[in-house]
């Protein structure tokens, strides 16, 4: 998380940034940079998909705070939000740094986690899509995790750096 914060501080103002924060650790950074904070506890998946589409369209940096919802809801929200970032129309494909803290929570290795299998599979597929198809769409992803072995192999195999 500390390294991710430094990356965000150093790239602020140079590229659009979207931060997915499952623990609420980056809210102070969002305030410092005057980013809007989307509260995952107040928005459903459909609203988050619309917000993601609008963020790409208007090149708006923001933070998605998922700290007040359970793990399964976090996965559902990330699936909708990141899926919409990937599905943005070609005219909105521009450089975007998407930082996901505790990435292993959204794409766990070996089915670990508290979420239902279908929810876990959908979230893992979405993060895999982000890492494989996202680059072509201008999405530069930074996945932060304490232990890469806890991240799904389908995701970690797509990481180039």
N, C-alpha and C. Protein backbone atom coordinates (compact mmCIF):
# COMPACT_ATOMS: atom_id res chain seq x y z
N UNK A 1 0.82 -1.20 0.00
CA UNK A 1 0.00 0.00 0.00
C UNK A 1 0.86 1.27 0.00
N UNK A 2 1.98 1.22 0.73
CA UNK A 2 2.86 2.38 0.77
C UNK A 2 3.44 2.65 -0.62
N UNK A 3 3.90 1.61 -1.29
CA UNK A 3 4.47 1.76 -2.63
C UNK A 3 3.41 2.23 -3.61
N UNK A 4 2.23 1.70 -3.51
CA UNK A 4 1.13 2.12 -4.37
C UNK A 4 0.83 3.60 -4.17
N UNK A 5 0.82 4.03 -2.93
CA UNK A 5 0.60 5.45 -2.62
C UNK A 5 1.68 6.32 -3.28
N UNK A 6 2.93 5.89 -3.20
CA UNK A 6 4.03 6.66 -3.81
C UNK A 6 3.87 6.74 -5.34
N UNK A 7 3.48 5.64 -5.95
CA UNK A 7 3.25 5.64 -7.40
C UNK A 7 2.15 6.64 -7.75
N UNK A 8 1.08 6.64 -6.99
CA UNK A 8 -0.03 7.56 -7.24
C UNK A 8 0.39 9.01 -7.02
N UNK A 9 1.16 9.26 -5.97
CA UNK A 9 1.64 10.63 -5.71
C UNK A 9 2.53 11.11 -6.85
N UNK A 10 3.39 10.25 -7.34
CA UNK A 10 4.35 10.66 -8.37
C UNK A 10 3.74 10.79 -9.75
N UNK A 11 2.64 10.11 -10.01
CA UNK A 11 2.01 10.20 -11.33
C UNK A 11 0.82 11.17 -11.34
N UNK A 12 0.44 11.67 -10.17
CA UNK A 12 -0.68 12.61 -10.09
C UNK A 12 -0.42 13.82 -10.99
N UNK A 13 -1.41 14.19 -11.77
CA UNK A 13 -1.29 15.33 -12.67
C UNK A 13 -0.71 14.97 -14.03
N UNK A 14 -0.18 13.77 -14.16
CA UNK A 14 0.40 13.33 -15.43
C UNK A 14 -0.51 12.38 -16.19
N UNK A 15 -1.37 11.67 -15.46
CA UNK A 15 -2.24 10.67 -16.07
C UNK A 15 -3.50 10.54 -15.20
N UNK A 16 -4.61 10.23 -15.85
CA UNK A 16 -5.84 9.95 -15.10
C UNK A 16 -5.59 8.77 -14.19
N UNK A 17 -6.13 8.83 -12.98
CA UNK A 17 -5.96 7.75 -12.00
C UNK A 17 -7.30 7.30 -11.45
N UNK A 18 -7.45 6.00 -11.35
CA UNK A 18 -8.60 5.43 -10.65
C UNK A 18 -8.03 4.46 -9.63
N UNK A 19 -8.46 4.61 -8.39
CA UNK A 19 -7.96 3.78 -7.29
C UNK A 19 -9.12 2.96 -6.75
N UNK A 20 -8.91 1.65 -6.65
CA UNK A 20 -9.89 0.76 -6.04
C UNK A 20 -9.33 0.37 -4.69
N UNK A 21 -10.05 0.76 -3.66
CA UNK A 21 -9.56 0.70 -2.28
C UNK A 21 -10.49 -0.14 -1.40
N UNK A 22 -10.13 -1.40 -1.13
CA UNK A 22 -11.01 -2.25 -0.32
C UNK A 22 -10.95 -1.99 1.18
N UNK A 23 -9.94 -1.25 1.64
CA UNK A 23 -9.75 -1.07 3.08
C UNK A 23 -9.92 0.38 3.55
N UNK A 24 -10.17 1.31 2.65
CA UNK A 24 -10.33 2.71 3.03
C UNK A 24 -9.03 3.42 3.34
N UNK A 25 -7.91 2.89 2.87
CA UNK A 25 -6.59 3.46 3.16
C UNK A 25 -6.23 4.66 2.30
N UNK A 26 -6.92 4.86 1.19
CA UNK A 26 -6.52 5.90 0.25
C UNK A 26 -7.47 7.09 0.22
N UNK A 27 -8.43 7.13 1.12
CA UNK A 27 -9.38 8.25 1.16
C UNK A 27 -8.64 9.56 1.42
N UNK A 28 -7.63 9.54 2.28
CA UNK A 28 -6.86 10.77 2.56
C UNK A 28 -6.13 11.24 1.31
N UNK A 29 -5.65 10.32 0.49
CA UNK A 29 -4.98 10.68 -0.76
C UNK A 29 -5.98 11.32 -1.72
N UNK A 30 -7.17 10.75 -1.79
CA UNK A 30 -8.22 11.31 -2.66
C UNK A 30 -8.57 12.73 -2.22
N UNK A 31 -8.66 12.94 -0.94
CA UNK A 31 -8.95 14.30 -0.43
C UNK A 31 -7.83 15.26 -0.79
N UNK A 32 -6.59 14.79 -0.60
CA UNK A 32 -5.42 15.63 -0.90
C UNK A 32 -5.40 16.06 -2.37
N UNK A 33 -5.76 15.14 -3.27
CA UNK A 33 -5.74 15.44 -4.70
C UNK A 33 -7.09 15.90 -5.22
N UNK A 34 -8.07 16.03 -4.33
CA UNK A 34 -9.41 16.49 -4.67
C UNK A 34 -10.09 15.56 -5.68
N UNK A 35 -9.92 14.24 -5.47
CA UNK A 35 -10.61 13.24 -6.28
C UNK A 35 -12.00 13.02 -5.69
N UNK A 36 -12.98 12.82 -6.53
CA UNK A 36 -14.26 12.34 -6.02
C UNK A 36 -14.08 10.94 -5.42
N UNK A 37 -14.82 10.65 -4.37
CA UNK A 37 -14.79 9.33 -3.74
C UNK A 37 -16.15 8.69 -3.95
N UNK A 38 -16.15 7.55 -4.64
CA UNK A 38 -17.37 6.78 -4.81
C UNK A 38 -17.48 5.84 -3.63
N UNK A 39 -18.58 5.91 -2.91
CA UNK A 39 -18.81 5.07 -1.75
C UNK A 39 -19.53 3.81 -2.18
N UNK A 40 -18.81 2.70 -2.20
CA UNK A 40 -19.37 1.43 -2.62
C UNK A 40 -20.56 0.98 -1.80
N UNK A 41 -20.68 1.46 -0.58
CA UNK A 41 -21.81 1.09 0.28
C UNK A 41 -23.10 1.80 -0.15
N UNK A 42 -22.97 2.88 -0.89
CA UNK A 42 -24.15 3.66 -1.27
C UNK A 42 -24.56 3.45 -2.73
N UNK A 43 -23.72 2.75 -3.50
CA UNK A 43 -23.99 2.57 -4.92
C UNK A 43 -24.10 1.09 -5.26
N UNK A 44 -24.99 0.77 -6.19
CA UNK A 44 -25.07 -0.62 -6.63
C UNK A 44 -24.18 -0.81 -7.86
N UNK A 45 -24.11 -2.04 -8.32
CA UNK A 45 -23.22 -2.38 -9.43
C UNK A 45 -23.58 -1.59 -10.69
N UNK A 46 -24.85 -1.40 -10.97
CA UNK A 46 -25.26 -0.67 -12.17
C UNK A 46 -24.81 0.79 -12.11
N UNK A 47 -24.96 1.42 -10.96
CA UNK A 47 -24.52 2.81 -10.79
C UNK A 47 -23.00 2.92 -10.93
N UNK A 48 -22.28 1.93 -10.41
CA UNK A 48 -20.82 1.95 -10.54
C UNK A 48 -20.37 1.78 -11.99
N UNK A 49 -21.08 0.96 -12.74
CA UNK A 49 -20.75 0.80 -14.16
C UNK A 49 -20.94 2.13 -14.91
N UNK A 50 -22.01 2.84 -14.59
CA UNK A 50 -22.25 4.15 -15.21
C UNK A 50 -21.16 5.13 -14.79
N UNK A 51 -20.79 5.12 -13.52
CA UNK A 51 -19.72 6.01 -13.05
C UNK A 51 -18.40 5.73 -13.75
N UNK A 52 -18.09 4.46 -13.94
CA UNK A 52 -16.85 4.09 -14.63
C UNK A 52 -16.86 4.59 -16.07
N UNK A 53 -17.97 4.42 -16.74
CA UNK A 53 -18.09 4.90 -18.13
C UNK A 53 -17.93 6.41 -18.20
N UNK A 54 -18.55 7.12 -17.28
CA UNK A 54 -18.44 8.59 -17.25
C UNK A 54 -17.02 9.04 -16.90
N UNK A 55 -16.37 8.33 -16.01
CA UNK A 55 -14.99 8.67 -15.64
C UNK A 55 -14.07 8.56 -16.85
N UNK A 56 -14.24 7.51 -17.64
CA UNK A 56 -13.42 7.36 -18.85
C UNK A 56 -13.75 8.46 -19.86
N UNK A 57 -15.03 8.71 -20.02
CA UNK A 57 -15.47 9.72 -20.99
C UNK A 57 -14.91 11.10 -20.66
N UNK A 58 -14.92 11.46 -19.38
CA UNK A 58 -14.51 12.81 -18.96
C UNK A 58 -13.11 12.87 -18.38
N UNK A 59 -12.39 11.75 -18.43
CA UNK A 59 -11.01 11.66 -17.92
C UNK A 59 -10.92 12.12 -16.46
N UNK A 60 -11.84 11.62 -15.68
CA UNK A 60 -11.95 12.00 -14.28
C UNK A 60 -11.21 11.00 -13.39
N UNK A 61 -10.28 11.49 -12.61
CA UNK A 61 -9.63 10.65 -11.62
C UNK A 61 -10.57 10.50 -10.43
N UNK A 62 -10.59 9.31 -9.82
CA UNK A 62 -11.46 9.09 -8.68
C UNK A 62 -11.00 7.91 -7.86
N UNK A 63 -11.62 7.76 -6.70
CA UNK A 63 -11.35 6.64 -5.81
C UNK A 63 -12.65 5.89 -5.56
N UNK A 64 -12.59 4.57 -5.68
CA UNK A 64 -13.72 3.72 -5.34
C UNK A 64 -13.44 3.10 -3.98
N UNK A 65 -14.17 3.55 -2.97
CA UNK A 65 -13.98 3.08 -1.60
C UNK A 65 -14.97 1.95 -1.33
N UNK A 66 -14.42 0.75 -1.10
CA UNK A 66 -15.24 -0.43 -0.86
C UNK A 66 -15.15 -0.91 0.59
N UNK A 67 -14.62 -0.08 1.45
CA UNK A 67 -14.30 -0.51 2.82
C UNK A 67 -15.51 -0.82 3.69
N UNK A 68 -16.67 -0.34 3.34
CA UNK A 68 -17.84 -0.52 4.21
C UNK A 68 -18.77 -1.64 3.75
N UNK A 69 -18.31 -2.47 2.80
CA UNK A 69 -19.16 -3.57 2.34
C UNK A 69 -18.40 -4.89 2.47
N UNK A 70 -19.14 -5.99 2.46
CA UNK A 70 -18.52 -7.30 2.64
C UNK A 70 -17.77 -7.73 1.37
N UNK A 71 -16.98 -8.77 1.51
CA UNK A 71 -16.09 -9.20 0.43
C UNK A 71 -16.84 -9.56 -0.84
N UNK A 72 -17.95 -10.26 -0.72
CA UNK A 72 -18.72 -10.65 -1.90
C UNK A 72 -19.23 -9.42 -2.64
N UNK A 73 -19.76 -8.46 -1.93
CA UNK A 73 -20.23 -7.21 -2.55
C UNK A 73 -19.06 -6.45 -3.17
N UNK A 74 -17.90 -6.47 -2.52
CA UNK A 74 -16.71 -5.83 -3.10
C UNK A 74 -16.40 -6.44 -4.46
N UNK A 75 -16.43 -7.77 -4.53
CA UNK A 75 -16.13 -8.45 -5.79
C UNK A 75 -17.16 -8.10 -6.86
N UNK A 76 -18.42 -8.06 -6.49
CA UNK A 76 -19.47 -7.70 -7.45
C UNK A 76 -19.29 -6.27 -7.95
N UNK A 77 -18.94 -5.37 -7.06
CA UNK A 77 -18.73 -3.98 -7.44
C UNK A 77 -17.52 -3.83 -8.36
N UNK A 78 -16.44 -4.51 -8.04
CA UNK A 78 -15.24 -4.44 -8.88
C UNK A 78 -15.53 -5.03 -10.26
N UNK A 79 -16.28 -6.12 -10.30
CA UNK A 79 -16.63 -6.73 -11.58
C UNK A 79 -17.39 -5.73 -12.46
N UNK A 80 -18.37 -5.06 -11.90
CA UNK A 80 -19.16 -4.09 -12.68
C UNK A 80 -18.33 -2.87 -13.07
N UNK A 81 -17.58 -2.34 -12.13
CA UNK A 81 -16.82 -1.11 -12.36
C UNK A 81 -15.69 -1.33 -13.36
N UNK A 82 -14.87 -2.32 -13.12
CA UNK A 82 -13.73 -2.59 -14.01
C UNK A 82 -14.23 -3.07 -15.37
N UNK A 83 -15.28 -3.87 -15.36
CA UNK A 83 -15.87 -4.31 -16.63
C UNK A 83 -16.29 -3.13 -17.50
N UNK A 84 -16.87 -2.11 -16.89
CA UNK A 84 -17.28 -0.92 -17.63
C UNK A 84 -16.07 -0.12 -18.13
N UNK A 85 -15.00 -0.08 -17.34
CA UNK A 85 -13.78 0.60 -17.81
C UNK A 85 -13.24 -0.08 -19.07
N UNK A 86 -13.25 -1.40 -19.07
CA UNK A 86 -12.76 -2.16 -20.22
C UNK A 86 -13.68 -1.99 -21.42
N UNK A 87 -14.98 -1.94 -21.19
CA UNK A 87 -15.97 -1.88 -22.26
C UNK A 87 -16.20 -0.48 -22.82
N UNK A 88 -15.48 0.51 -22.32
CA UNK A 88 -15.67 1.89 -22.79
C UNK A 88 -15.48 1.96 -24.31
N UNK A 89 -16.24 2.83 -24.97
CA UNK A 89 -16.09 2.96 -26.42
C UNK A 89 -14.68 3.41 -26.81
N UNK A 90 -14.27 3.03 -27.99
CA UNK A 90 -12.92 3.32 -28.49
C UNK A 90 -12.56 4.80 -28.39
N UNK A 91 -13.49 5.68 -28.58
CA UNK A 91 -13.18 7.12 -28.52
C UNK A 91 -12.76 7.57 -27.11
N UNK A 92 -12.98 6.72 -26.12
CA UNK A 92 -12.58 7.04 -24.74
C UNK A 92 -11.36 6.24 -24.29
N UNK A 93 -10.69 5.60 -25.23
CA UNK A 93 -9.47 4.87 -24.90
C UNK A 93 -8.32 5.86 -24.84
N UNK A 94 -7.95 6.24 -23.68
CA UNK A 94 -6.81 7.13 -23.44
C UNK A 94 -6.08 6.62 -22.20
N UNK A 95 -4.88 7.10 -21.94
CA UNK A 95 -4.11 6.57 -20.80
C UNK A 95 -4.83 6.76 -19.46
N UNK A 96 -4.90 5.66 -18.73
CA UNK A 96 -5.54 5.65 -17.42
C UNK A 96 -4.78 4.67 -16.53
N UNK A 97 -4.34 5.15 -15.41
CA UNK A 97 -3.69 4.30 -14.41
C UNK A 97 -4.76 3.81 -13.45
N UNK A 98 -4.96 2.50 -13.41
CA UNK A 98 -5.93 1.93 -12.49
C UNK A 98 -5.16 1.15 -11.44
N UNK A 99 -5.26 1.60 -10.21
CA UNK A 99 -4.53 1.01 -9.09
C UNK A 99 -5.51 0.23 -8.21
N UNK A 100 -5.19 -1.04 -8.00
CA UNK A 100 -6.05 -1.89 -7.18
C UNK A 100 -5.25 -2.38 -5.99
N UNK A 101 -5.62 -1.90 -4.80
CA UNK A 101 -4.95 -2.33 -3.58
C UNK A 101 -5.53 -3.67 -3.15
N UNK A 102 -4.68 -4.50 -2.55
CA UNK A 102 -5.10 -5.84 -2.09
C UNK A 102 -5.77 -6.62 -3.22
N UNK A 103 -5.11 -6.63 -4.38
CA UNK A 103 -5.69 -7.23 -5.59
C UNK A 103 -6.06 -8.69 -5.42
N UNK A 104 -5.38 -9.40 -4.54
CA UNK A 104 -5.69 -10.82 -4.32
C UNK A 104 -7.10 -11.02 -3.76
N UNK A 105 -7.70 -9.99 -3.22
CA UNK A 105 -9.06 -10.10 -2.72
C UNK A 105 -10.06 -10.22 -3.86
N UNK A 106 -9.73 -9.68 -5.02
CA UNK A 106 -10.65 -9.65 -6.16
C UNK A 106 -10.37 -10.76 -7.16
N UNK A 107 -9.19 -11.36 -7.08
CA UNK A 107 -8.82 -12.46 -7.96
C UNK A 107 -7.97 -13.44 -7.16
N UNK A 108 -8.60 -14.13 -6.21
CA UNK A 108 -7.82 -15.01 -5.33
C UNK A 108 -7.41 -16.31 -6.02
N UNK A 109 -6.26 -16.80 -5.64
CA UNK A 109 -5.77 -18.08 -6.16
C UNK A 109 -6.50 -19.24 -5.50
N UNK A 110 -6.88 -20.22 -6.29
CA UNK A 110 -7.41 -21.46 -5.76
C UNK A 110 -8.76 -21.37 -5.08
N UNK A 111 -9.54 -20.37 -5.39
CA UNK A 111 -10.88 -20.30 -4.81
C UNK A 111 -10.91 -19.83 -3.38
N UNK A 112 -9.81 -19.26 -2.89
CA UNK A 112 -9.81 -18.75 -1.52
C UNK A 112 -10.73 -17.55 -1.41
N UNK A 113 -11.34 -17.40 -0.28
CA UNK A 113 -12.17 -16.22 -0.06
C UNK A 113 -13.53 -16.57 0.49
N UNK A 114 -14.28 -15.53 0.78
CA UNK A 114 -15.58 -15.71 1.42
C UNK A 114 -16.74 -15.61 0.44
N UNK A 115 -16.46 -15.27 -0.81
CA UNK A 115 -17.52 -15.04 -1.77
C UNK A 115 -17.97 -16.35 -2.43
N UNK A 116 -19.18 -16.32 -2.95
CA UNK A 116 -19.70 -17.47 -3.70
C UNK A 116 -18.82 -17.73 -4.91
N UNK A 117 -18.79 -18.97 -5.35
CA UNK A 117 -17.94 -19.37 -6.46
C UNK A 117 -18.20 -18.54 -7.72
N UNK A 118 -19.47 -18.32 -8.08
CA UNK A 118 -19.79 -17.58 -9.30
C UNK A 118 -19.31 -16.13 -9.21
N UNK A 119 -19.45 -15.53 -8.05
CA UNK A 119 -19.00 -14.15 -7.84
C UNK A 119 -17.48 -14.08 -7.94
N UNK A 120 -16.81 -15.02 -7.30
CA UNK A 120 -15.35 -15.09 -7.32
C UNK A 120 -14.84 -15.29 -8.74
N UNK A 121 -15.46 -16.19 -9.48
CA UNK A 121 -15.05 -16.46 -10.85
C UNK A 121 -15.25 -15.24 -11.74
N UNK A 122 -16.36 -14.54 -11.59
CA UNK A 122 -16.62 -13.35 -12.39
C UNK A 122 -15.60 -12.25 -12.09
N UNK A 123 -15.29 -12.06 -10.82
CA UNK A 123 -14.31 -11.04 -10.44
C UNK A 123 -12.93 -11.40 -10.98
N UNK A 124 -12.54 -12.65 -10.84
CA UNK A 124 -11.23 -13.09 -11.34
C UNK A 124 -11.16 -12.92 -12.85
N UNK A 125 -12.22 -13.27 -13.57
CA UNK A 125 -12.23 -13.11 -15.03
C UNK A 125 -12.12 -11.64 -15.41
N UNK A 126 -12.78 -10.78 -14.67
CA UNK A 126 -12.72 -9.34 -14.98
C UNK A 126 -11.31 -8.79 -14.77
N UNK A 127 -10.66 -9.17 -13.68
CA UNK A 127 -9.30 -8.70 -13.44
C UNK A 127 -8.35 -9.30 -14.47
N UNK A 128 -8.55 -10.54 -14.86
CA UNK A 128 -7.75 -11.14 -15.94
C UNK A 128 -7.94 -10.36 -17.23
N UNK A 129 -9.19 -10.01 -17.54
CA UNK A 129 -9.49 -9.19 -18.73
C UNK A 129 -8.78 -7.85 -18.66
N UNK A 130 -8.82 -7.23 -17.49
CA UNK A 130 -8.14 -5.95 -17.30
C UNK A 130 -6.66 -6.07 -17.64
N UNK A 131 -6.04 -7.13 -17.16
CA UNK A 131 -4.60 -7.30 -17.37
C UNK A 131 -4.27 -7.70 -18.81
N UNK A 132 -5.16 -8.38 -19.49
CA UNK A 132 -4.85 -8.83 -20.85
C UNK A 132 -5.36 -7.87 -21.91
N UNK A 133 -6.61 -7.47 -21.85
CA UNK A 133 -7.20 -6.60 -22.86
C UNK A 133 -7.08 -5.12 -22.51
N UNK A 134 -6.85 -4.82 -21.25
CA UNK A 134 -6.82 -3.44 -20.81
C UNK A 134 -5.72 -2.59 -21.43
N UNK A 135 -4.57 -3.19 -21.62
CA UNK A 135 -3.44 -2.42 -22.18
C UNK A 135 -3.80 -1.80 -23.52
N UNK A 136 -4.47 -2.57 -24.35
CA UNK A 136 -4.87 -2.08 -25.67
C UNK A 136 -5.83 -0.90 -25.57
N UNK A 137 -6.53 -0.82 -24.46
CA UNK A 137 -7.53 0.23 -24.23
C UNK A 137 -6.99 1.39 -23.41
N UNK A 138 -5.70 1.43 -23.20
CA UNK A 138 -5.07 2.53 -22.46
C UNK A 138 -5.05 2.34 -20.96
N UNK A 139 -5.44 1.18 -20.48
CA UNK A 139 -5.49 0.93 -19.05
C UNK A 139 -4.17 0.35 -18.56
N UNK A 140 -3.46 1.12 -17.79
CA UNK A 140 -2.21 0.66 -17.17
C UNK A 140 -2.57 0.26 -15.74
N UNK A 141 -2.46 -1.02 -15.45
CA UNK A 141 -2.91 -1.52 -14.15
C UNK A 141 -1.75 -1.73 -13.21
N UNK A 142 -1.97 -1.32 -11.95
CA UNK A 142 -1.02 -1.60 -10.88
C UNK A 142 -1.80 -2.40 -9.84
N UNK A 143 -1.39 -3.65 -9.68
CA UNK A 143 -2.04 -4.53 -8.72
C UNK A 143 -1.14 -4.67 -7.51
N UNK A 144 -1.61 -4.20 -6.38
CA UNK A 144 -0.82 -4.28 -5.15
C UNK A 144 -1.31 -5.45 -4.31
N UNK A 145 -0.36 -6.26 -3.87
CA UNK A 145 -0.68 -7.39 -3.00
C UNK A 145 0.54 -7.71 -2.16
N UNK A 146 0.33 -8.20 -0.96
CA UNK A 146 1.44 -8.58 -0.10
C UNK A 146 2.11 -9.84 -0.58
N UNK A 147 1.34 -10.68 -1.23
CA UNK A 147 1.88 -11.97 -1.64
C UNK A 147 1.33 -12.38 -2.98
N UNK A 148 2.17 -12.35 -4.01
CA UNK A 148 1.74 -12.66 -5.37
C UNK A 148 1.17 -14.07 -5.49
N UNK A 149 1.60 -14.99 -4.64
CA UNK A 149 1.09 -16.37 -4.68
C UNK A 149 -0.40 -16.43 -4.35
N UNK A 150 -0.93 -15.42 -3.69
CA UNK A 150 -2.36 -15.39 -3.34
C UNK A 150 -3.21 -14.85 -4.49
N UNK A 151 -2.57 -14.38 -5.56
CA UNK A 151 -3.26 -13.84 -6.73
C UNK A 151 -3.48 -14.95 -7.75
N UNK A 152 -4.65 -14.98 -8.36
CA UNK A 152 -4.97 -16.01 -9.35
C UNK A 152 -3.90 -16.05 -10.44
N UNK A 153 -3.53 -17.24 -10.83
CA UNK A 153 -2.49 -17.42 -11.85
C UNK A 153 -2.89 -16.82 -13.19
N UNK A 154 -4.19 -16.83 -13.50
CA UNK A 154 -4.65 -16.23 -14.76
C UNK A 154 -4.38 -14.73 -14.79
N UNK A 155 -4.32 -14.11 -13.62
CA UNK A 155 -4.01 -12.68 -13.51
C UNK A 155 -2.52 -12.45 -13.51
N UNK A 156 -1.82 -13.14 -12.62
CA UNK A 156 -0.37 -12.91 -12.49
C UNK A 156 0.38 -13.26 -13.76
N UNK A 157 -0.13 -14.20 -14.56
CA UNK A 157 0.55 -14.55 -15.81
C UNK A 157 0.45 -13.44 -16.85
N UNK A 158 -0.48 -12.52 -16.67
CA UNK A 158 -0.64 -11.40 -17.60
C UNK A 158 0.16 -10.16 -17.20
N UNK A 159 0.76 -10.19 -16.02
CA UNK A 159 1.54 -9.05 -15.55
C UNK A 159 2.89 -9.07 -16.25
N UNK A 160 3.21 -7.98 -16.92
CA UNK A 160 4.45 -7.93 -17.68
C UNK A 160 5.61 -7.34 -16.90
N UNK A 161 5.32 -6.50 -15.91
CA UNK A 161 6.38 -5.87 -15.13
C UNK A 161 6.17 -6.15 -13.65
